[in-house]
């Protein structure tokens, strides 16, 4: 297992040192004990930061990411609690996927309208697709 400094950790994870420290202040990433004059990190820490960043890109808040990471490490969490949290998160993800599919369809139709004629573009109001639940002709 490779050990590394915070600078190397940040570089491998594709973030800045301040991002690592920020995650530590938010208690999403543990502050390791010092080994000599430096704190050392390992590949698990790199993978955790990559997971955090990817989860954020997918729309998870830092609190949600923290909860996800704690599912396997909290000593007193029950299977029922894990199941409830994961099912709730699955429902949220399904809703997001549905919204993204609707937006994708709307944008595809808009792109097609651009190919056919400029006049028909005005009938497509992409911003209405979420407020009307895509009941409009998006």
N, C-alpha and C. Protein backbone atom coordinates (compact mmCIF):
# COMPACT_ATOMS: atom_id res chain seq x y z
N UNK A 1 0.85 -1.18 0.00
CA UNK A 1 0.00 0.00 0.00
C UNK A 1 0.89 1.24 0.00
N UNK A 2 0.72 2.04 -1.02
CA UNK A 2 1.54 3.25 -1.16
C UNK A 2 1.09 4.31 -0.16
N UNK A 3 2.05 4.90 0.54
CA UNK A 3 1.74 6.02 1.42
C UNK A 3 2.18 7.30 0.73
N UNK A 4 1.44 8.39 1.00
CA UNK A 4 1.72 9.64 0.30
C UNK A 4 1.40 10.82 1.18
N UNK A 5 1.94 11.95 0.80
CA UNK A 5 1.65 13.20 1.50
C UNK A 5 0.33 13.76 0.98
N UNK A 6 -0.15 14.79 1.63
CA UNK A 6 -1.41 15.42 1.22
C UNK A 6 -1.30 15.98 -0.21
N UNK A 7 -0.13 16.49 -0.57
CA UNK A 7 0.06 17.02 -1.92
C UNK A 7 -0.08 15.94 -2.97
N UNK A 8 0.53 14.79 -2.73
CA UNK A 8 0.46 13.67 -3.67
C UNK A 8 -0.97 13.12 -3.72
N UNK A 9 -1.61 13.04 -2.56
CA UNK A 9 -3.00 12.59 -2.49
C UNK A 9 -3.88 13.48 -3.36
N UNK A 10 -3.76 14.79 -3.17
CA UNK A 10 -4.56 15.74 -3.93
C UNK A 10 -4.31 15.59 -5.42
N UNK A 11 -3.05 15.46 -5.80
CA UNK A 11 -2.69 15.32 -7.21
C UNK A 11 -3.33 14.07 -7.82
N UNK A 12 -3.20 12.94 -7.14
CA UNK A 12 -3.75 11.68 -7.66
C UNK A 12 -5.27 11.69 -7.73
N UNK A 13 -5.89 12.41 -6.80
CA UNK A 13 -7.36 12.47 -6.77
C UNK A 13 -7.90 13.56 -7.69
N UNK A 14 -7.02 14.40 -8.21
CA UNK A 14 -7.45 15.46 -9.12
C UNK A 14 -8.11 16.64 -8.44
N UNK A 15 -7.68 16.91 -7.21
CA UNK A 15 -8.22 18.06 -6.46
C UNK A 15 -7.06 18.85 -5.89
N UNK A 16 -7.36 19.98 -5.29
CA UNK A 16 -6.34 20.77 -4.61
C UNK A 16 -6.19 20.34 -3.16
N UNK A 17 -5.07 20.71 -2.58
CA UNK A 17 -4.81 20.40 -1.17
C UNK A 17 -5.91 20.99 -0.29
N UNK A 18 -6.37 22.19 -0.63
CA UNK A 18 -7.42 22.83 0.18
C UNK A 18 -8.73 22.04 0.12
N UNK A 19 -8.98 21.36 -0.99
CA UNK A 19 -10.17 20.52 -1.09
C UNK A 19 -10.06 19.36 -0.10
N UNK A 20 -8.89 18.76 -0.02
CA UNK A 20 -8.67 17.67 0.94
C UNK A 20 -8.90 18.18 2.35
N UNK A 21 -8.35 19.32 2.66
CA UNK A 21 -8.52 19.89 4.01
C UNK A 21 -9.99 20.24 4.28
N UNK A 22 -10.66 20.73 3.26
CA UNK A 22 -12.09 21.05 3.39
C UNK A 22 -12.88 19.78 3.75
N UNK A 23 -12.62 18.68 3.03
CA UNK A 23 -13.29 17.41 3.32
C UNK A 23 -12.98 16.94 4.74
N UNK A 24 -11.76 17.21 5.19
CA UNK A 24 -11.40 16.83 6.56
C UNK A 24 -12.17 17.68 7.57
N UNK A 25 -12.29 18.98 7.32
CA UNK A 25 -13.04 19.85 8.24
C UNK A 25 -14.51 19.43 8.29
N UNK A 26 -15.05 18.98 7.17
CA UNK A 26 -16.44 18.53 7.10
C UNK A 26 -16.61 17.10 7.62
N UNK A 27 -15.49 16.49 8.02
CA UNK A 27 -15.48 15.13 8.56
C UNK A 27 -15.96 14.08 7.56
N UNK A 28 -15.70 14.36 6.28
CA UNK A 28 -15.99 13.38 5.23
C UNK A 28 -14.76 12.52 5.02
N UNK A 29 -13.61 13.10 5.26
CA UNK A 29 -12.33 12.42 5.13
C UNK A 29 -11.60 12.56 6.47
N UNK A 30 -11.11 11.44 6.96
CA UNK A 30 -10.41 11.47 8.25
C UNK A 30 -9.04 12.12 8.12
N UNK A 31 -8.65 12.79 9.20
CA UNK A 31 -7.29 13.33 9.29
C UNK A 31 -6.43 12.20 9.87
N UNK A 32 -5.48 11.72 9.08
CA UNK A 32 -4.67 10.60 9.59
C UNK A 32 -3.67 11.08 10.64
N UNK A 33 -3.22 10.17 11.49
CA UNK A 33 -2.20 10.56 12.47
C UNK A 33 -0.88 10.85 11.74
N UNK A 34 -0.05 11.62 12.38
CA UNK A 34 1.25 11.94 11.78
C UNK A 34 2.16 10.72 11.83
N UNK A 35 2.89 10.57 10.75
CA UNK A 35 3.96 9.57 10.69
C UNK A 35 5.24 10.38 10.54
N UNK A 36 5.92 10.56 11.63
CA UNK A 36 7.09 11.44 11.61
C UNK A 36 6.60 12.88 11.59
N UNK A 37 7.10 13.65 10.64
CA UNK A 37 6.74 15.07 10.54
C UNK A 37 5.50 15.30 9.69
N UNK A 38 5.06 14.27 8.96
CA UNK A 38 3.95 14.44 8.01
C UNK A 38 2.81 13.49 8.29
N UNK A 39 1.64 13.89 7.85
CA UNK A 39 0.49 12.99 7.82
C UNK A 39 0.59 12.22 6.52
N UNK A 40 0.32 10.94 6.58
CA UNK A 40 0.41 10.14 5.36
C UNK A 40 -0.95 9.56 5.00
N UNK A 41 -1.17 9.46 3.72
CA UNK A 41 -2.43 8.98 3.16
C UNK A 41 -2.13 7.76 2.31
N UNK A 42 -3.21 7.05 1.91
CA UNK A 42 -3.01 5.86 1.08
C UNK A 42 -4.02 5.86 -0.09
N UNK A 43 -3.96 4.81 -0.87
CA UNK A 43 -4.82 4.71 -2.05
C UNK A 43 -6.31 4.70 -1.71
N UNK A 44 -6.67 4.20 -0.53
CA UNK A 44 -8.08 4.24 -0.12
C UNK A 44 -8.57 5.69 -0.02
N UNK A 45 -7.70 6.56 0.45
CA UNK A 45 -8.05 7.98 0.55
C UNK A 45 -8.25 8.58 -0.84
N UNK A 46 -7.40 8.19 -1.78
CA UNK A 46 -7.55 8.66 -3.17
C UNK A 46 -8.91 8.23 -3.71
N UNK A 47 -9.24 6.96 -3.53
CA UNK A 47 -10.51 6.43 -4.03
C UNK A 47 -11.71 7.11 -3.37
N UNK A 48 -11.58 7.41 -2.09
CA UNK A 48 -12.68 8.07 -1.38
C UNK A 48 -12.90 9.47 -1.96
N UNK A 49 -11.82 10.21 -2.21
CA UNK A 49 -11.97 11.56 -2.78
C UNK A 49 -12.55 11.49 -4.18
N UNK A 50 -12.11 10.54 -4.98
CA UNK A 50 -12.67 10.37 -6.33
C UNK A 50 -14.17 10.07 -6.23
N UNK A 51 -14.56 9.22 -5.28
CA UNK A 51 -15.98 8.92 -5.07
C UNK A 51 -16.75 10.18 -4.69
N UNK A 52 -16.19 10.96 -3.77
CA UNK A 52 -16.85 12.19 -3.31
C UNK A 52 -17.07 13.14 -4.49
N UNK A 53 -16.04 13.36 -5.29
CA UNK A 53 -16.15 14.27 -6.43
C UNK A 53 -17.17 13.76 -7.45
N UNK A 54 -17.15 12.48 -7.73
CA UNK A 54 -18.09 11.93 -8.71
C UNK A 54 -19.52 12.03 -8.18
N UNK A 55 -19.72 11.74 -6.91
CA UNK A 55 -21.05 11.85 -6.31
C UNK A 55 -21.55 13.29 -6.37
N UNK A 56 -20.66 14.25 -6.13
CA UNK A 56 -21.04 15.66 -6.22
C UNK A 56 -21.43 16.02 -7.66
N UNK A 57 -20.67 15.52 -8.62
CA UNK A 57 -20.99 15.78 -10.03
C UNK A 57 -22.37 15.24 -10.39
N UNK A 58 -22.76 14.16 -9.73
CA UNK A 58 -24.06 13.54 -9.98
C UNK A 58 -25.19 14.19 -9.19
N UNK A 59 -24.87 15.22 -8.42
CA UNK A 59 -25.90 15.97 -7.73
C UNK A 59 -26.06 15.68 -6.25
N UNK A 60 -25.21 14.84 -5.68
CA UNK A 60 -25.29 14.57 -4.25
C UNK A 60 -24.67 15.72 -3.48
N UNK A 61 -25.30 16.10 -2.37
CA UNK A 61 -24.72 17.10 -1.50
C UNK A 61 -23.61 16.45 -0.67
N UNK A 62 -22.78 17.27 -0.07
CA UNK A 62 -21.72 16.72 0.78
C UNK A 62 -22.30 15.93 1.96
N UNK A 63 -23.41 16.40 2.51
CA UNK A 63 -24.04 15.64 3.61
C UNK A 63 -24.52 14.28 3.13
N UNK A 64 -25.08 14.24 1.93
CA UNK A 64 -25.53 12.95 1.38
C UNK A 64 -24.34 12.03 1.11
N UNK A 65 -23.26 12.58 0.61
CA UNK A 65 -22.06 11.78 0.37
C UNK A 65 -21.54 11.22 1.69
N UNK A 66 -21.52 12.07 2.70
CA UNK A 66 -21.07 11.62 4.02
C UNK A 66 -21.94 10.47 4.53
N UNK A 67 -23.25 10.62 4.37
CA UNK A 67 -24.16 9.56 4.80
C UNK A 67 -23.90 8.27 4.03
N UNK A 68 -23.67 8.38 2.72
CA UNK A 68 -23.38 7.19 1.92
C UNK A 68 -22.11 6.50 2.41
N UNK A 69 -21.08 7.28 2.68
CA UNK A 69 -19.83 6.71 3.14
C UNK A 69 -19.95 6.09 4.53
N UNK A 70 -20.84 6.63 5.34
CA UNK A 70 -21.02 6.12 6.70
C UNK A 70 -21.85 4.84 6.75
N UNK A 71 -22.56 4.51 5.69
CA UNK A 71 -23.41 3.33 5.71
C UNK A 71 -22.65 2.07 6.09
N UNK A 72 -21.40 1.97 5.68
CA UNK A 72 -20.60 0.78 5.98
C UNK A 72 -19.75 0.92 7.22
N UNK A 73 -19.67 2.12 7.79
CA UNK A 73 -18.73 2.31 8.89
C UNK A 73 -19.37 2.66 10.22
N UNK A 74 -20.62 3.11 10.21
CA UNK A 74 -21.26 3.46 11.49
C UNK A 74 -21.52 2.18 12.28
N UNK A 75 -21.04 2.13 13.51
CA UNK A 75 -21.18 0.89 14.28
C UNK A 75 -22.62 0.58 14.71
N UNK A 76 -23.46 1.59 14.88
CA UNK A 76 -24.80 1.34 15.41
C UNK A 76 -25.90 1.42 14.37
N UNK A 77 -25.55 1.51 13.11
CA UNK A 77 -26.59 1.61 12.08
C UNK A 77 -27.15 0.21 11.81
N UNK A 78 -28.46 0.15 11.67
CA UNK A 78 -29.11 -1.14 11.44
C UNK A 78 -29.35 -1.35 9.95
N UNK A 79 -29.60 -2.59 9.60
CA UNK A 79 -29.92 -2.90 8.20
C UNK A 79 -31.19 -2.17 7.77
N UNK A 80 -32.13 -2.04 8.67
CA UNK A 80 -33.37 -1.33 8.34
C UNK A 80 -33.11 0.13 8.00
N UNK A 81 -32.22 0.77 8.76
CA UNK A 81 -31.86 2.16 8.48
C UNK A 81 -31.14 2.28 7.14
N UNK A 82 -30.23 1.35 6.87
CA UNK A 82 -29.51 1.36 5.60
C UNK A 82 -30.50 1.17 4.45
N UNK A 83 -31.41 0.24 4.62
CA UNK A 83 -32.39 -0.02 3.55
C UNK A 83 -33.26 1.20 3.30
N UNK A 84 -33.75 1.82 4.36
CA UNK A 84 -34.59 3.01 4.21
C UNK A 84 -33.84 4.12 3.50
N UNK A 85 -32.61 4.38 3.93
CA UNK A 85 -31.81 5.44 3.30
C UNK A 85 -31.53 5.13 1.84
N UNK A 86 -31.17 3.90 1.55
CA UNK A 86 -30.85 3.55 0.17
C UNK A 86 -32.08 3.58 -0.72
N UNK A 87 -33.23 3.12 -0.21
CA UNK A 87 -34.45 3.17 -1.02
C UNK A 87 -34.89 4.61 -1.29
N UNK A 88 -34.75 5.47 -0.29
CA UNK A 88 -35.06 6.90 -0.49
C UNK A 88 -34.14 7.51 -1.53
N UNK A 89 -32.86 7.19 -1.44
CA UNK A 89 -31.90 7.72 -2.41
C UNK A 89 -32.19 7.15 -3.80
N UNK A 90 -32.56 5.90 -3.89
CA UNK A 90 -32.92 5.31 -5.18
C UNK A 90 -34.11 6.03 -5.81
N UNK A 91 -35.10 6.37 -4.99
CA UNK A 91 -36.25 7.12 -5.51
C UNK A 91 -35.82 8.48 -6.05
N UNK A 92 -34.95 9.16 -5.31
CA UNK A 92 -34.45 10.46 -5.78
C UNK A 92 -33.70 10.31 -7.09
N UNK A 93 -32.87 9.28 -7.19
CA UNK A 93 -32.10 9.05 -8.41
C UNK A 93 -33.02 8.76 -9.59
N UNK A 94 -34.05 7.95 -9.35
CA UNK A 94 -35.01 7.64 -10.42
C UNK A 94 -35.70 8.91 -10.91
N UNK A 95 -36.06 9.79 -9.97
CA UNK A 95 -36.68 11.06 -10.35
C UNK A 95 -35.72 11.91 -11.18
N UNK A 96 -34.45 11.95 -10.78
CA UNK A 96 -33.46 12.73 -11.53
C UNK A 96 -33.26 12.15 -12.93
N UNK A 97 -33.20 10.83 -13.00
CA UNK A 97 -33.05 10.19 -14.31
C UNK A 97 -34.23 10.52 -15.20
N UNK A 98 -35.43 10.49 -14.63
CA UNK A 98 -36.63 10.82 -15.40
C UNK A 98 -36.56 12.26 -15.91
N UNK A 99 -36.17 13.18 -15.03
CA UNK A 99 -36.04 14.58 -15.45
C UNK A 99 -34.98 14.75 -16.53
N UNK A 100 -33.87 14.04 -16.37
CA UNK A 100 -32.80 14.13 -17.38
C UNK A 100 -33.26 13.56 -18.72
N UNK A 101 -34.02 12.48 -18.69
CA UNK A 101 -34.55 11.90 -19.93
C UNK A 101 -35.50 12.88 -20.61
N UNK A 102 -36.31 13.56 -19.82
CA UNK A 102 -37.23 14.56 -20.38
C UNK A 102 -36.46 15.72 -21.00
N UNK A 103 -35.43 16.18 -20.29
CA UNK A 103 -34.63 17.28 -20.83
C UNK A 103 -33.90 16.83 -22.08
N UNK A 104 -33.39 15.61 -22.08
CA UNK A 104 -32.70 15.07 -23.26
C UNK A 104 -33.64 15.07 -24.46
N UNK A 105 -34.85 14.60 -24.24
CA UNK A 105 -35.85 14.56 -25.32
C UNK A 105 -36.15 15.97 -25.82
N UNK A 106 -36.32 16.89 -24.91
CA UNK A 106 -36.60 18.27 -25.27
C UNK A 106 -35.47 18.86 -26.09
N UNK A 107 -34.24 18.64 -25.67
CA UNK A 107 -33.10 19.18 -26.39
C UNK A 107 -32.93 18.51 -27.75
N UNK A 108 -33.22 17.22 -27.84
CA UNK A 108 -33.17 16.54 -29.13
C UNK A 108 -34.19 17.14 -30.10
N UNK A 109 -35.40 17.40 -29.59
CA UNK A 109 -36.43 18.00 -30.43
C UNK A 109 -36.04 19.41 -30.86
N UNK A 110 -35.42 20.15 -29.96
CA UNK A 110 -34.97 21.49 -30.29
C UNK A 110 -33.88 21.43 -31.36
N UNK A 111 -32.94 20.49 -31.21
CA UNK A 111 -31.88 20.33 -32.20
C UNK A 111 -32.47 19.95 -33.56
N UNK A 112 -33.47 19.07 -33.56
CA UNK A 112 -34.13 18.68 -34.80
C UNK A 112 -34.84 19.88 -35.43
N UNK A 113 -35.47 20.69 -34.61
CA UNK A 113 -36.16 21.89 -35.12
C UNK A 113 -35.15 22.82 -35.78
N UNK A 114 -33.95 22.89 -35.20
CA UNK A 114 -32.92 23.75 -35.79
C UNK A 114 -32.51 23.23 -37.17
N UNK A 115 -32.55 21.92 -37.36
CA UNK A 115 -32.20 21.36 -38.65
C UNK A 115 -33.27 21.62 -39.70
N UNK A 116 -34.54 21.65 -39.25
CA UNK A 116 -35.62 21.74 -40.22
C UNK A 116 -35.94 23.17 -40.65
N UNK A 117 -36.14 24.06 -39.71
CA UNK A 117 -36.39 25.45 -40.09
C UNK A 117 -36.29 26.35 -38.87
N UNK A 118 -35.79 27.54 -39.06
CA UNK A 118 -35.61 28.48 -37.96
C UNK A 118 -36.95 28.94 -37.38
N UNK A 119 -38.01 29.02 -38.19
CA UNK A 119 -39.30 29.51 -37.70
C UNK A 119 -39.89 28.60 -36.63
N UNK A 120 -39.69 27.29 -36.76
CA UNK A 120 -40.31 26.37 -35.80
C UNK A 120 -39.62 26.36 -34.44
N UNK A 121 -38.44 26.96 -34.37
CA UNK A 121 -37.71 26.96 -33.09
C UNK A 121 -38.48 27.72 -32.02
N UNK A 122 -39.18 28.76 -32.39
CA UNK A 122 -39.87 29.59 -31.40
C UNK A 122 -40.93 28.82 -30.60
N UNK A 123 -41.45 27.74 -31.17
CA UNK A 123 -42.49 26.98 -30.46
C UNK A 123 -41.91 26.13 -29.33
N UNK A 124 -40.60 25.94 -29.30
CA UNK A 124 -39.96 25.12 -28.27
C UNK A 124 -39.47 26.01 -27.14
N UNK A 125 -40.02 25.80 -25.98
CA UNK A 125 -39.62 26.57 -24.81
C UNK A 125 -39.06 25.59 -23.78
N UNK A 126 -37.78 25.37 -23.87
CA UNK A 126 -37.13 24.36 -23.04
C UNK A 126 -37.37 24.62 -21.56
N UNK A 127 -37.36 25.89 -21.14
CA UNK A 127 -37.52 26.20 -19.72
C UNK A 127 -38.87 25.78 -19.18
N UNK A 128 -39.88 25.61 -20.05
CA UNK A 128 -41.21 25.19 -19.60
C UNK A 128 -41.29 23.69 -19.33
N UNK A 129 -40.33 22.95 -19.80
CA UNK A 129 -40.42 21.49 -19.70
C UNK A 129 -40.43 20.99 -18.26
N UNK A 130 -39.77 21.67 -17.36
CA UNK A 130 -39.79 21.23 -15.97
C UNK A 130 -40.99 21.81 -15.23
N UNK A 131 -41.34 23.04 -15.50
CA UNK A 131 -42.43 23.66 -14.76
C UNK A 131 -43.79 23.08 -15.15
N UNK A 132 -43.90 22.54 -16.34
CA UNK A 132 -45.16 21.94 -16.77
C UNK A 132 -45.07 20.42 -16.83
N UNK A 133 -44.00 19.86 -16.31
CA UNK A 133 -43.86 18.42 -16.31
C UNK A 133 -43.81 17.84 -17.72
N UNK A 134 -43.34 18.60 -18.65
CA UNK A 134 -43.24 18.21 -20.04
C UNK A 134 -44.60 17.95 -20.68
N UNK A 135 -45.61 18.58 -20.15
CA UNK A 135 -46.92 18.50 -20.80
C UNK A 135 -46.96 19.40 -22.02
N UNK A 136 -45.98 20.27 -22.16
CA UNK A 136 -45.92 21.17 -23.29
C UNK A 136 -45.34 20.45 -24.50
N UNK A 137 -45.32 21.11 -25.62
CA UNK A 137 -44.75 20.51 -26.82
C UNK A 137 -43.26 20.79 -26.88
N UNK A 138 -42.57 20.28 -25.90
CA UNK A 138 -41.11 20.49 -25.86
C UNK A 138 -40.41 19.48 -26.74
